PDB file of N, CA and C in Angstrom:
ATOM      1  N   UNK A   1     -63.417 156.414  20.707  1.00  0.00           N
ATOM      2  CA  UNK A   1     -63.662 156.679  22.133  1.00  0.00           C
ATOM      3  C   UNK A   1     -64.642 157.782  22.244  1.00  0.00           C
ATOM      4  N   UNK A   2     -65.701 157.468  22.992  1.00  0.00           N
ATOM      5  CA  UNK A   2     -66.862 158.641  23.316  1.00  0.00           C
ATOM      6  C   UNK A   2     -66.507 159.231  24.631  1.00  0.00           C
ATOM      7  N   UNK A   3     -66.818 160.582  24.620  1.00  0.00           N
ATOM      8  CA  UNK A   3     -66.699 161.274  25.878  1.00  0.00           C
ATOM      9  C   UNK A   3     -67.856 160.911  26.678  1.00  0.00           C
ATOM     10  N   UNK A   4     -67.557 160.959  28.054  1.00  0.00           N
ATOM     11  CA  UNK A   4     -68.706 160.776  29.023  1.00  0.00           C
ATOM     12  C   UNK A   4     -68.972 162.255  29.597  1.00  0.00           C
ATOM     13  N   UNK A   5     -70.101 162.314  30.494  1.00  0.00           N
ATOM     14  CA  UNK A   5     -70.240 163.562  31.172  1.00  0.00           C
ATOM     15  C   UNK A   5     -69.139 163.815  32.146  1.00  0.00           C
ATOM     16  N   UNK A   6     -68.574 162.809  32.691  1.00  0.00           N
ATOM     17  CA  UNK A   6     -67.580 162.942  33.849  1.00  0.00           C
ATOM     18  C   UNK A   6     -66.392 163.561  32.934  1.00  0.00           C
ATOM     19  N   UNK A   7     -66.136 163.215  31.733  1.00  0.00           N
ATOM     20  CA  UNK A   7     -65.059 163.767  30.989  1.00  0.00           C
ATOM     21  C   UNK A   7     -65.307 165.213  30.781  1.00  0.00           C
ATOM     22  N   UNK A   8     -66.238 165.656  30.448  1.00  0.00           N
ATOM     23  CA  UNK A   8     -66.831 166.881  30.022  1.00  0.00           C
ATOM     24  C   UNK A   8     -66.909 167.641  31.384  1.00  0.00           C
ATOM     25  N   UNK A   9     -67.208 167.230  32.541  1.00  0.00           N
ATOM     26  CA  UNK A   9     -67.027 168.009  33.752  1.00  0.00           C
ATOM     27  C   UNK A   9     -65.594 168.110  34.060  1.00  0.00           C
ATOM     28  N   UNK A  10     -64.464 167.209  33.883  1.00  0.00           N
ATOM     29  CA  UNK A  10     -63.312 167.457  34.115  1.00  0.00           C
ATOM     30  C   UNK A  10     -62.685 168.581  33.267  1.00  0.00           C
ATOM     31  N   UNK A  11     -63.078 168.549  32.090  1.00  0.00           N
ATOM     32  CA  UNK A  11     -62.605 169.472  31.226  1.00  0.00           C
ATOM     33  C   UNK A  11     -63.170 170.908  31.438  1.00  0.00           C
ATOM     34  N   UNK A  12     -64.530 170.899  31.890  1.00  0.00           N
ATOM     35  CA  UNK A  12     -65.114 172.124  32.428  1.00  0.00           C
ATOM     36  C   UNK A  12     -64.298 172.691  33.682  1.00  0.00           C
ATOM     37  N   UNK A  13     -63.865 171.819  34.478  1.00  0.00           N
ATOM     38  CA  UNK A  13     -63.277 172.184  35.924  1.00  0.00           C
ATOM     39  C   UNK A  13     -61.647 172.608  35.393  1.00  0.00           C
ATOM     40  N   UNK A  14     -61.261 171.974  34.280  1.00  0.00           N
ATOM     41  CA  UNK A  14     -59.873 172.444  33.934  1.00  0.00           C
ATOM     42  C   UNK A  14     -59.957 173.852  33.358  1.00  0.00           C
ATOM     43  N   UNK A  15     -60.861 174.030  32.584  1.00  0.00           N
ATOM     44  CA  UNK A  15     -61.155 175.404  31.992  1.00  0.00           C
ATOM     45  C   UNK A  15     -61.252 176.546  33.135  1.00  0.00           C
ATOM     46  N   UNK A  16     -61.995 176.244  34.166  1.00  0.00           N
ATOM     47  CA  UNK A  16     -62.100 177.336  35.039  1.00  0.00           C
ATOM     48  C   UNK A  16     -60.995 177.416  36.082  1.00  0.00           C
ATOM     49  N   UNK A  17     -60.175 176.305  36.254  1.00  0.00           N
ATOM     50  CA  UNK A  17     -59.049 176.318  37.391  1.00  0.00           C
ATOM     51  C   UNK A  17     -57.717 176.006  37.053  1.00  0.00           C
ATOM     52  N   UNK A  18     -57.439 175.758  35.902  1.00  0.00           N
ATOM     53  CA  UNK A  18     -56.075 175.357  35.471  1.00  0.00           C
ATOM     54  C   UNK A  18     -55.186 176.716  35.569  1.00  0.00           C
ATOM     55  N   UNK A  19     -53.945 176.506  35.717  1.00  0.00           N
ATOM     56  CA  UNK A  19     -53.101 177.689  35.789  1.00  0.00           C
ATOM     57  C   UNK A  19     -52.945 178.112  34.414  1.00  0.00           C
ATOM     58  N   UNK A  20     -52.919 177.140  33.323  1.00  0.00           N
ATOM     59  CA  UNK A  20     -52.810 177.454  32.011  1.00  0.00           C
ATOM     60  C   UNK A  20     -53.865 178.444  31.651  1.00  0.00           C
ATOM     61  N   UNK A  21     -55.079 178.161  32.057  1.00  0.00           N
ATOM     62  CA  UNK A  21     -56.176 179.112  31.860  1.00  0.00           C
ATOM     63  C   UNK A  21     -56.052 180.517  32.471  1.00  0.00           C
ATOM     64  N   UNK A  22     -55.553 180.550  33.615  1.00  0.00           N
ATOM     65  CA  UNK A  22     -55.409 181.789  34.377  1.00  0.00           C
ATOM     66  C   UNK A  22     -54.277 182.679  33.655  1.00  0.00           C
ATOM     67  N   UNK A  23     -53.171 181.874  33.116  1.00  0.00           N
ATOM     68  CA  UNK A  23     -52.131 182.589  32.425  1.00  0.00           C
ATOM     69  C   UNK A  23     -52.590 183.222  31.188  1.00  0.00           C
ATOM     70  N   UNK A  24     -53.397 182.251  30.630  1.00  0.00           N
ATOM     71  CA  UNK A  24     -54.061 182.564  29.284  1.00  0.00           C
ATOM     72  C   UNK A  24     -54.878 183.908  29.312  1.00  0.00           C
ATOM     73  N   UNK A  25     -55.817 183.859  30.388  1.00  0.00           N
ATOM     74  CA  UNK A  25     -56.650 185.039  30.533  1.00  0.00           C
ATOM     75  C   UNK A  25     -55.942 186.305  30.831  1.00  0.00           C
ATOM     76  N   UNK A  26     -54.825 186.253  31.504  1.00  0.00           N
ATOM     77  CA  UNK A  26     -53.983 187.637  31.666  1.00  0.00           C
ATOM     78  C   UNK A  26     -53.532 188.129  30.442  1.00  0.00           C
ATOM     79  N   UNK A  27     -53.381 187.223  29.433  1.00  0.00           N
ATOM     80  CA  UNK A  27     -53.026 187.999  28.143  1.00  0.00           C
ATOM     81  C   UNK A  27     -54.140 188.547  27.271  1.00  0.00           C
ATOM     82  N   UNK A  28     -55.414 188.378  27.760  1.00  0.00           N
ATOM     83  CA  UNK A  28     -56.576 188.862  26.874  1.00  0.00           C
ATOM     84  C   UNK A  28     -56.898 190.278  27.250  1.00  0.00           C
ATOM     85  N   UNK A  29     -57.569 190.837  26.267  1.00  0.00           N
ATOM     86  CA  UNK A  29     -58.307 192.172  26.429  1.00  0.00           C
ATOM     87  C   UNK A  29     -59.542 191.844  27.307  1.00  0.00           C
ATOM     88  N   UNK A  30     -60.369 192.813  27.913  1.00  0.00           N
ATOM     89  CA  UNK A  30     -61.513 192.722  28.678  1.00  0.00           C
ATOM     90  C   UNK A  30     -62.710 192.082  27.741  1.00  0.00           C
ATOM     91  N   UNK A  31     -62.581 192.600  26.476  1.00  0.00           N
ATOM     92  CA  UNK A  31     -63.656 192.096  25.524  1.00  0.00           C
ATOM     93  C   UNK A  31     -63.250 190.431  25.289  1.00  0.00           C
ATOM     94  N   UNK A  32     -62.158 190.016  25.151  1.00  0.00           N
ATOM     95  CA  UNK A  32     -61.798 188.687  25.030  1.00  0.00           C
ATOM     96  C   UNK A  32     -62.050 187.925  26.219  1.00  0.00           C
ATOM     97  N   UNK A  33     -61.768 188.431  27.316  1.00  0.00           N
ATOM     98  CA  UNK A  33     -61.945 187.766  28.649  1.00  0.00           C
ATOM     99  C   UNK A  33     -63.622 187.496  28.629  1.00  0.00           C
ATOM    100  N   UNK A  34     -64.295 188.591  28.391  1.00  0.00           N
ATOM    101  CA  UNK A  34     -65.840 188.447  28.386  1.00  0.00           C
ATOM    102  C   UNK A  34     -66.218 187.393  27.378  1.00  0.00           C
ATOM    103  N   UNK A  35     -65.712 187.311  26.365  1.00  0.00           N
ATOM    104  CA  UNK A  35     -66.092 186.244  25.277  1.00  0.00           C
ATOM    105  C   UNK A  35     -65.684 184.858  25.770  1.00  0.00           C
ATOM    106  N   UNK A  36     -64.487 184.730  26.308  1.00  0.00           N
ATOM    107  CA  UNK A  36     -63.932 183.387  26.780  1.00  0.00           C
ATOM    108  C   UNK A  36     -64.980 183.079  28.105  1.00  0.00           C
ATOM    109  N   UNK A  37     -65.383 183.881  28.942  1.00  0.00           N
ATOM    110  CA  UNK A  37     -66.228 183.561  30.101  1.00  0.00           C
ATOM    111  C   UNK A  37     -67.539 183.087  29.445  1.00  0.00           C
ATOM    112  N   UNK A  38     -68.036 183.825  28.494  1.00  0.00           N
ATOM    113  CA  UNK A  38     -69.511 183.313  27.818  1.00  0.00           C
ATOM    114  C   UNK A  38     -69.302 182.113  27.311  1.00  0.00           C
ATOM    115  N   UNK A  39     -68.197 181.792  26.614  1.00  0.00           N
ATOM    116  CA  UNK A  39     -67.992 180.472  26.016  1.00  0.00           C
ATOM    117  C   UNK A  39     -67.967 179.290  27.165  1.00  0.00           C
ATOM    118  N   UNK A  40     -67.332 179.594  28.207  1.00  0.00           N
ATOM    119  CA  UNK A  40     -67.254 178.777  29.260  1.00  0.00           C
ATOM    120  C   UNK A  40     -68.579 178.463  29.977  1.00  0.00           C
ATOM    121  N   UNK A  41     -69.459 179.528  30.108  1.00  0.00           N
ATOM    122  CA  UNK A  41     -70.889 179.601  30.585  1.00  0.00           C
ATOM    123  C   UNK A  41     -71.741 178.690  29.694  1.00  0.00           C
ATOM    124  N   UNK A  42     -71.513 178.633  28.389  1.00  0.00           N
ATOM    125  CA  UNK A  42     -72.435 178.030  27.516  1.00  0.00           C
ATOM    126  C   UNK A  42     -72.014 176.664  27.407  1.00  0.00           C
ATOM    127  N   UNK A  43     -70.691 176.319  27.691  1.00  0.00           N
ATOM    128  CA  UNK A  43     -70.133 174.951  27.766  1.00  0.00           C
ATOM    129  C   UNK A  43     -70.641 174.339  29.075  1.00  0.00           C
ATOM    130  N   UNK A  44     -70.631 175.029  30.081  1.00  0.00           N
ATOM    131  CA  UNK A  44     -71.247 174.585  31.345  1.00  0.00           C
ATOM    132  C   UNK A  44     -72.712 174.210  31.422  1.00  0.00           C
ATOM    133  N   UNK A  45     -73.531 175.214  30.590  1.00  0.00           N
ATOM    134  CA  UNK A  45     -74.830 174.855  30.402  1.00  0.00           C
ATOM    135  C   UNK A  45     -75.141 173.687  29.452  1.00  0.00           C
ATOM    136  N   UNK A  46     -74.311 173.466  28.654  1.00  0.00           N
ATOM    137  CA  UNK A  46     -74.227 172.181  27.670  1.00  0.00           C
ATOM    138  C   UNK A  46     -73.968 170.970  28.623  1.00  0.00           C
ATOM    139  N   UNK A  47     -72.997 171.021  29.508  1.00  0.00           N
ATOM    140  CA  UNK A  47     -72.720 169.969  30.380  1.00  0.00           C
ATOM    141  C   UNK A  47     -73.953 169.499  31.230  1.00  0.00           C
ATOM    142  N   UNK A  48     -74.524 170.735  31.834  1.00  0.00           N
ATOM    143  CA  UNK A  48     -75.672 170.475  32.818  1.00  0.00           C
ATOM    144  C   UNK A  48     -76.767 170.032  32.073  1.00  0.00           C
ATOM    145  N   UNK A  49     -77.137 170.543  30.836  1.00  0.00           N
ATOM    146  CA  UNK A  49     -78.168 170.017  29.852  1.00  0.00           C
ATOM    147  C   UNK A  49     -78.029 168.416  29.645  1.00  0.00           C
ATOM    148  N   UNK A  50     -76.817 168.110  29.271  1.00  0.00           N
ATOM    149  CA  UNK A  50     -76.587 166.624  29.223  1.00  0.00           C
ATOM    150  C   UNK A  50     -76.796 165.793  30.525  1.00  0.00           C
ATOM    151  N   UNK A  51     -76.386 166.314  31.606  1.00  0.00           N
ATOM    152  CA  UNK A  51     -76.458 165.710  32.852  1.00  0.00           C
ATOM    153  C   UNK A  51     -77.851 165.416  33.234  1.00  0.00           C
ATOM    154  N   UNK A  52     -78.701 166.555  32.894  1.00  0.00           N
ATOM    155  CA  UNK A  52     -80.082 166.408  33.103  1.00  0.00           C
ATOM    156  C   UNK A  52     -80.861 165.316  32.255  1.00  0.00           C
ATOM    157  N   UNK A  53     -80.447 165.401  31.026  1.00  0.00           N
ATOM    158  CA  UNK A  53     -80.857 164.443  30.062  1.00  0.00           C
ATOM    159  C   UNK A  53     -80.561 163.000  30.527  1.00  0.00           C
ATOM    160  N   UNK A  54     -79.347 162.788  30.981  1.00  0.00           N
ATOM    161  CA  UNK A  54     -78.893 161.518  31.334  1.00  0.00           C
ATOM    162  C   UNK A  54     -79.794 161.246  32.662  1.00  0.00           C
ATOM    163  N   UNK A  55     -80.070 162.035  33.531  1.00  0.00           N
ATOM    164  CA  UNK A  55     -80.999 161.604  34.741  1.00  0.00           C
ATOM    165  C   UNK A  55     -82.319 161.248  34.264  1.00  0.00           C
ATOM    166  N   UNK A  56     -82.856 162.016  33.270  1.00  0.00           N
ATOM    167  CA  UNK A  56     -84.093 161.668  32.611  1.00  0.00           C
ATOM    168  C   UNK A  56     -84.155 160.271  32.175  1.00  0.00           C
ATOM    169  N   UNK A  57     -82.963 159.777  31.442  1.00  0.00           N
ATOM    170  CA  UNK A  57     -83.033 158.583  30.922  1.00  0.00           C
ATOM    171  C   UNK A  57     -83.028 157.527  31.868  1.00  0.00           C
ATOM    172  N   UNK A  58     -82.166 157.757  32.988  1.00  0.00           N
ATOM    173  CA  UNK A  58     -82.270 156.818  34.108  1.00  0.00           C
ATOM    174  C   UNK A  58     -83.605 156.527  34.726  1.00  0.00           C
ATOM    175  N   UNK A  59     -84.166 157.808  35.023  1.00  0.00           N
ATOM    176  CA  UNK A  59     -85.617 157.665  35.465  1.00  0.00           C
ATOM    177  C   UNK A  59     -86.492 157.003  34.706  1.00  0.00           C
ATOM    178  N   UNK A  60     -86.524 157.257  33.525  1.00  0.00           N
ATOM    179  CA  UNK A  60     -87.426 156.579  32.406  1.00  0.00           C
ATOM    180  C   UNK A  60     -87.139 154.844  32.502  1.00  0.00           C
ATOM    181  N   UNK A  61     -85.805 154.590  32.716  1.00  0.00           N
ATOM    182  CA  UNK A  61     -85.395 152.994  32.820  1.00  0.00           C
ATOM    183  C   UNK A  61     -85.986 152.528  34.117  1.00  0.00           C
ATOM    184  N   UNK A  62     -85.916 153.305  35.074  1.00  0.00           N
ATOM    185  CA  UNK A  62     -86.374 152.903  36.536  1.00  0.00           C
ATOM    186  C   UNK A  62     -87.790 152.727  36.443  1.00  0.00           C
ATOM    187  N   UNK A  63     -88.539 153.681  35.825  1.00  0.00           N
ATOM    188  CA  UNK A  63     -89.875 153.569  35.727  1.00  0.00           C
ATOM    189  C   UNK A  63     -90.555 152.227  34.899  1.00  0.00           C
ATOM    190  N   UNK A  64     -89.812 152.070  33.890  1.00  0.00           N
ATOM    191  CA  UNK A  64     -90.093 150.912  33.062  1.00  0.00           C
ATOM    192  C   UNK A  64     -89.727 149.813  33.874  1.00  0.00           C
ATOM    193  N   UNK A  65     -88.553 149.542  34.625  1.00  0.00           N
ATOM    194  CA  UNK A  65     -88.318 148.470  35.281  1.00  0.00           C
ATOM    195  C   UNK A  65     -89.246 148.208  36.673  1.00  0.00           C
ATOM    196  N   UNK A  66     -89.757 149.273  37.222  1.00  0.00           N
ATOM    197  CA  UNK A  66     -90.801 149.137  38.043  1.00  0.00           C
ATOM    198  C   UNK A  66     -92.076 148.593  37.498  1.00  0.00           C
ATOM    199  N   UNK A  67     -92.533 148.990  36.303  1.00  0.00           N
ATOM    200  CA  UNK A  67     -93.713 148.516  35.708  1.00  0.00           C
ATOM    201  C   UNK A  67     -93.457 147.137  35.412  1.00  0.00           C
ATOM    202  N   UNK A  68     -92.228 146.696  34.975  1.00  0.00           N
ATOM    203  CA  UNK A  68     -92.103 145.264  34.599  1.00  0.00           C
ATOM    204  C   UNK A  68     -92.202 144.474  36.104  1.00  0.00           C
ATOM    205  N   UNK A  69     -91.536 145.006  37.087  1.00  0.00           N
ATOM    206  CA  UNK A  69     -91.659 144.243  38.217  1.00  0.00           C
ATOM    207  C   UNK A  69     -93.086 144.095  38.795  1.00  0.00           C
ATOM    208  N   UNK A  70     -93.816 145.084  38.620  1.00  0.00           N
ATOM    209  CA  UNK A  70     -95.193 145.053  39.054  1.00  0.00           C
ATOM    210  C   UNK A  70     -96.049 143.968  38.196  1.00  0.00           C
ATOM    211  N   UNK A  71     -95.739 144.199  36.937  1.00  0.00           N
ATOM    212  CA  UNK A  71     -96.286 143.208  36.088  1.00  0.00           C
ATOM    213  C   UNK A  71     -96.045 141.585  36.644  1.00  0.00           C
ATOM    214  N   UNK A  72     -94.689 141.424  36.766  1.00  0.00           N
ATOM    215  CA  UNK A  72     -94.238 140.044  37.184  1.00  0.00           C
ATOM    216  C   UNK A  72     -94.888 139.694  38.512  1.00  0.00           C
ATOM    217  N   UNK A  73     -95.054 140.622  39.417  1.00  0.00           N
ATOM    218  CA  UNK A  73     -95.750 140.440  40.591  1.00  0.00           C
ATOM    219  C   UNK A  73     -97.180 139.933  40.402  1.00  0.00           C
ATOM    220  N   UNK A  74     -97.901 140.664  39.532  1.00  0.00           N
ATOM    221  CA  UNK A  74     -99.270 140.346  39.251  1.00  0.00           C
ATOM    222  C   UNK A  74     -99.341 138.840  38.712  1.00  0.00           C
ATOM    223  N   UNK A  75     -98.332 138.472  37.814  1.00  0.00           N
ATOM    224  CA  UNK A  75     -98.357 137.231  37.128  1.00  0.00           C
ATOM    225  C   UNK A  75     -98.252 136.274  38.272  1.00  0.00           C
ATOM    226  N   UNK A  76     -97.291 136.396  39.155  1.00  0.00           N
ATOM    227  CA  UNK A  76     -97.100 135.504  40.273  1.00  0.00           C
ATOM    228  C   UNK A  76     -98.205 135.353  41.241  1.00  0.00           C
ATOM    229  N   UNK A  77     -99.135 136.487  41.403  1.00  0.00           N
ATOM    230  CA  UNK A  77    -100.349 136.367  42.222  1.00  0.00           C
ATOM    231  C   UNK A  77    -101.117 135.576  41.555  1.00  0.00           C
ATOM    232  N   UNK A  78    -101.344 135.725  40.260  1.00  0.00           N
ATOM    233  CA  UNK A  78    -102.448 134.909  39.455  1.00  0.00           C
ATOM    234  C   UNK A  78    -101.897 133.364  39.476  1.00  0.00           C
ATOM    235  N   UNK A  79    -100.713 133.029  39.416  1.00  0.00           N
ATOM    236  CA  UNK A  79    -100.260 131.872  39.487  1.00  0.00           C
ATOM    237  C   UNK A  79    -100.670 131.109  40.915  1.00  0.00           C
ATOM    238  N   UNK A  80    -100.357 131.900  42.042  1.00  0.00           N
ATOM    239  CA  UNK A  80    -100.584 131.477  43.407  1.00  0.00           C
ATOM    240  C   UNK A  80    -102.052 131.290  43.470  1.00  0.00           C
ATOM    241  N   UNK A  81    -102.917 132.063  42.958  1.00  0.00           N
ATOM    242  CA  UNK A  81    -104.289 131.840  43.134  1.00  0.00           C
ATOM    243  C   UNK A  81    -104.789 130.729  42.324  1.00  0.00           C
ATOM    244  N   UNK A  82    -104.107 130.482  41.114  1.00  0.00           N
ATOM    245  CA  UNK A  82    -104.457 129.082  40.474  1.00  0.00           C
ATOM    246  C   UNK A  82    -103.924 127.985  41.227  1.00  0.00           C
ATOM    247  N   UNK A  83    -102.724 127.985  41.842  1.00  0.00           N
ATOM    248  CA  UNK A  83    -102.280 126.795  42.759  1.00  0.00           C
ATOM    249  C   UNK A  83    -103.174 126.661  43.988  1.00  0.00           C
ATOM    250  N   UNK A  84    -103.729 127.744  44.287  1.00  0.00           N
ATOM    251  CA  UNK A  84    -104.565 127.489  45.657  1.00  0.00           C
ATOM    252  C   UNK A  84    -105.807 126.911  45.164  1.00  0.00           C
ATOM    253  N   UNK A  85    -106.427 127.344  44.001  1.00  0.00           N
ATOM    254  CA  UNK A  85    -107.489 126.718  43.446  1.00  0.00           C
ATOM    255  C   UNK A  85    -107.365 125.296  43.249  1.00  0.00           C
ATOM    256  N   UNK A  86    -106.237 124.968  42.651  1.00  0.00           N
ATOM    257  CA  UNK A  86    -105.894 123.396  42.350  1.00  0.00           C
ATOM    258  C   UNK A  86    -105.773 122.613  43.685  1.00  0.00           C
ATOM    259  N   UNK A  87    -105.098 123.212  44.614  1.00  0.00           N
ATOM    260  CA  UNK A  87    -104.883 122.586  46.028  1.00  0.00           C
ATOM    261  C   UNK A  87    -106.304 122.224  46.695  1.00  0.00           C
ATOM    262  N   UNK A  88    -107.422 123.276  46.421  1.00  0.00           N
ATOM    263  CA  UNK A  88    -108.625 123.292  46.955  1.00  0.00           C
ATOM    264  C   UNK A  88    -109.454 122.017  46.272  1.00  0.00           C
ATOM    265  N   UNK A  89    -109.248 122.045  44.909  1.00  0.00           N
ATOM    266  CA  UNK A  89    -109.745 120.814  44.190  1.00  0.00           C
ATOM    267  C   UNK A  89    -109.327 119.526  44.510  1.00  0.00           C
ATOM    268  N   UNK A  90    -107.962 119.283  44.725  1.00  0.00           N
ATOM    269  CA  UNK A  90    -107.242 118.080  45.045  1.00  0.00           C
ATOM    270  C   UNK A  90    -107.853 117.840  46.541  1.00  0.00           C
ATOM    271  N   UNK A  91    -108.011 118.656  47.575  1.00  0.00           N
ATOM    272  CA  UNK A  91    -108.424 118.340  48.861  1.00  0.00           C
ATOM    273  C   UNK A  91    -110.049 117.949  48.875  1.00  0.00           C
ATOM    274  N   UNK A  92    -110.757 118.511  47.748  1.00  0.00           N
ATOM    275  CA  UNK A  92    -112.086 118.033  47.692  1.00  0.00           C
ATOM    276  C   UNK A  92    -112.188 116.624  47.166  1.00  0.00           C
ATOM    277  N   UNK A  93    -111.295 116.244  46.079  1.00  0.00           N
ATOM    278  CA  UNK A  93    -111.276 114.897  45.629  1.00  0.00           C
ATOM    279  C   UNK A  93    -110.635 114.000  46.679  1.00  0.00           C
ATOM    280  N   UNK A  94    -109.669 114.324  47.369  1.00  0.00           N
ATOM    281  CA  UNK A  94    -109.134 113.527  48.443  1.00  0.00           C
ATOM    282  C   UNK A  94    -110.243 113.248  49.566  1.00  0.00           C
ATOM    283  N   UNK A  95    -111.014 114.166  49.941  1.00  0.00           N
ATOM    284  CA  UNK A  95    -112.141 113.829  50.914  1.00  0.00           C
ATOM    285  C   UNK A  95    -113.126 112.931  50.323  1.00  0.00           C
ATOM    286  N   UNK A  96    -113.547 113.174  49.016  1.00  0.00           N
ATOM    287  CA  UNK A  96    -114.381 112.435  48.141  1.00  0.00           C
ATOM    288  C   UNK A  96    -113.873 111.056  48.245  1.00  0.00           C
ATOM    289  N   UNK A  97    -112.710 110.828  47.876  1.00  0.00           N
ATOM    290  CA  UNK A  97    -112.096 109.292  47.833  1.00  0.00           C
ATOM    291  C   UNK A  97    -112.140 108.656  49.158  1.00  0.00           C
ATOM    292  N   UNK A  98    -111.842 109.508  50.461  1.00  0.00           N
ATOM    293  CA  UNK A  98    -112.013 108.874  51.504  1.00  0.00           C
ATOM    294  C   UNK A  98    -113.506 108.397  52.005  1.00  0.00           C
ATOM    295  N   UNK A  99    -114.549 109.248  51.609  1.00  0.00           N
ATOM    296  CA  UNK A  99    -115.977 109.069  51.807  1.00  0.00           C
ATOM    297  C   UNK A  99    -116.249 107.781  50.887  1.00  0.00           C
ATOM    298  N   UNK A 100    -115.813 107.683  49.677  1.00  0.00           N
ATOM    299  CA  UNK A 100    -116.256 106.573  48.841  1.00  0.00           C
ATOM    300  C   UNK A 100    -115.582 105.306  49.406  1.00  0.00           C
ATOM    301  N   UNK A 101    -114.104 105.347  49.927  1.00  0.00           N
ATOM    302  CA  UNK A 101    -113.598 104.353  50.540  1.00  0.00           C
ATOM    303  C   UNK A 101    -114.523 103.665  51.761  1.00  0.00           C
ATOM    304  N   UNK A 102    -115.029 104.753  52.549  1.00  0.00           N
ATOM    305  CA  UNK A 102    -115.848 104.280  53.722  1.00  0.00           C
ATOM    306  C   UNK A 102    -117.009 103.641  53.249  1.00  0.00           C
ATOM    307  N   UNK A 103    -117.792 104.148  52.071  1.00  0.00           N
ATOM    308  CA  UNK A 103    -119.030 103.544  51.666  1.00  0.00           C
ATOM    309  C   UNK A 103    -118.725 102.268  51.142  1.00  0.00           C
ATOM    310  N   UNK A 104    -117.668 102.156  50.345  1.00  0.00           N
ATOM    311  CA  UNK A 104    -117.382 100.879  49.666  1.00  0.00           C
ATOM    312  C   UNK A 104    -117.015  99.720  50.767  1.00  0.00           C
ATOM    313  N   UNK A 105    -116.153 100.092  51.799  1.00  0.00           N
ATOM    314  CA  UNK A 105    -115.906  99.195  52.758  1.00  0.00           C
ATOM    315  C   UNK A 105    -116.999  98.708  53.649  1.00  0.00           C
ATOM    316  N   UNK A 106    -118.179  99.603  53.879  1.00  0.00           N
ATOM    317  CA  UNK A 106    -119.080  99.340  54.601  1.00  0.00           C
ATOM    318  C   UNK A 106    -120.227  98.484  53.671  1.00  0.00           C
ATOM    319  N   UNK A 107    -120.122  98.573  52.568  1.00  0.00           N
ATOM    320  CA  UNK A 107    -120.956  97.783  51.576  1.00  0.00           C
ATOM    321  C   UNK A 107    -120.348  96.516  51.315  1.00  0.00           C
ATOM    322  N   UNK A 108    -119.112  96.530  50.942  1.00  0.00           N
ATOM    323  CA  UNK A 108    -118.412  95.232  50.728  1.00  0.00           C
ATOM    324  C   UNK A 108    -117.334  95.035  51.678  1.00  0.00           C
ATOM    325  N   UNK A 109    -117.720  94.270  52.766  1.00  0.00           N
ATOM    326  CA  UNK A 109    -116.640  94.077  53.851  1.00  0.00           C
ATOM    327  C   UNK A 109    -115.484  93.162  53.083  1.00  0.00           C
ATOM    328  N   UNK A 110    -114.363  93.710  53.593  1.00  0.00           N
ATOM    329  CA  UNK A 110    -113.198  93.096  53.168  1.00  0.00           C
ATOM    330  C   UNK A 110    -112.878  91.607  53.825  1.00  0.00           C
ATOM    331  N   UNK A 111    -112.301  90.553  53.339  1.00  0.00           N
ATOM    332  CA  UNK A 111    -112.287  89.359  53.823  1.00  0.00           C
ATOM    333  C   UNK A 111    -111.167  89.348  54.977  1.00  0.00           C
TER     334      UNK A 111
END
């Protein structure tokens, strides 16, 4: 089982606020209390560093997803342009066949 940042934050909160911690601190000398507080501060810094790193990873993933989305949109635009070109070509040939039909029917009357 791996620890999550939430687990570390819960432990950090426990260290600061639990009645066991408060009882334990009351048994320490001032030097030990200072050392304990320094340890908690370092732990908090570690948790905050991990949180910031996790946020950076999420931002990087969002940036990549945005890039992929924009690439996909560009591909769709190119496909739409290609389809429009094909539709124009079909319309031109359709009109050409109507003209040819008119020419052929005027030259060769149908019985």
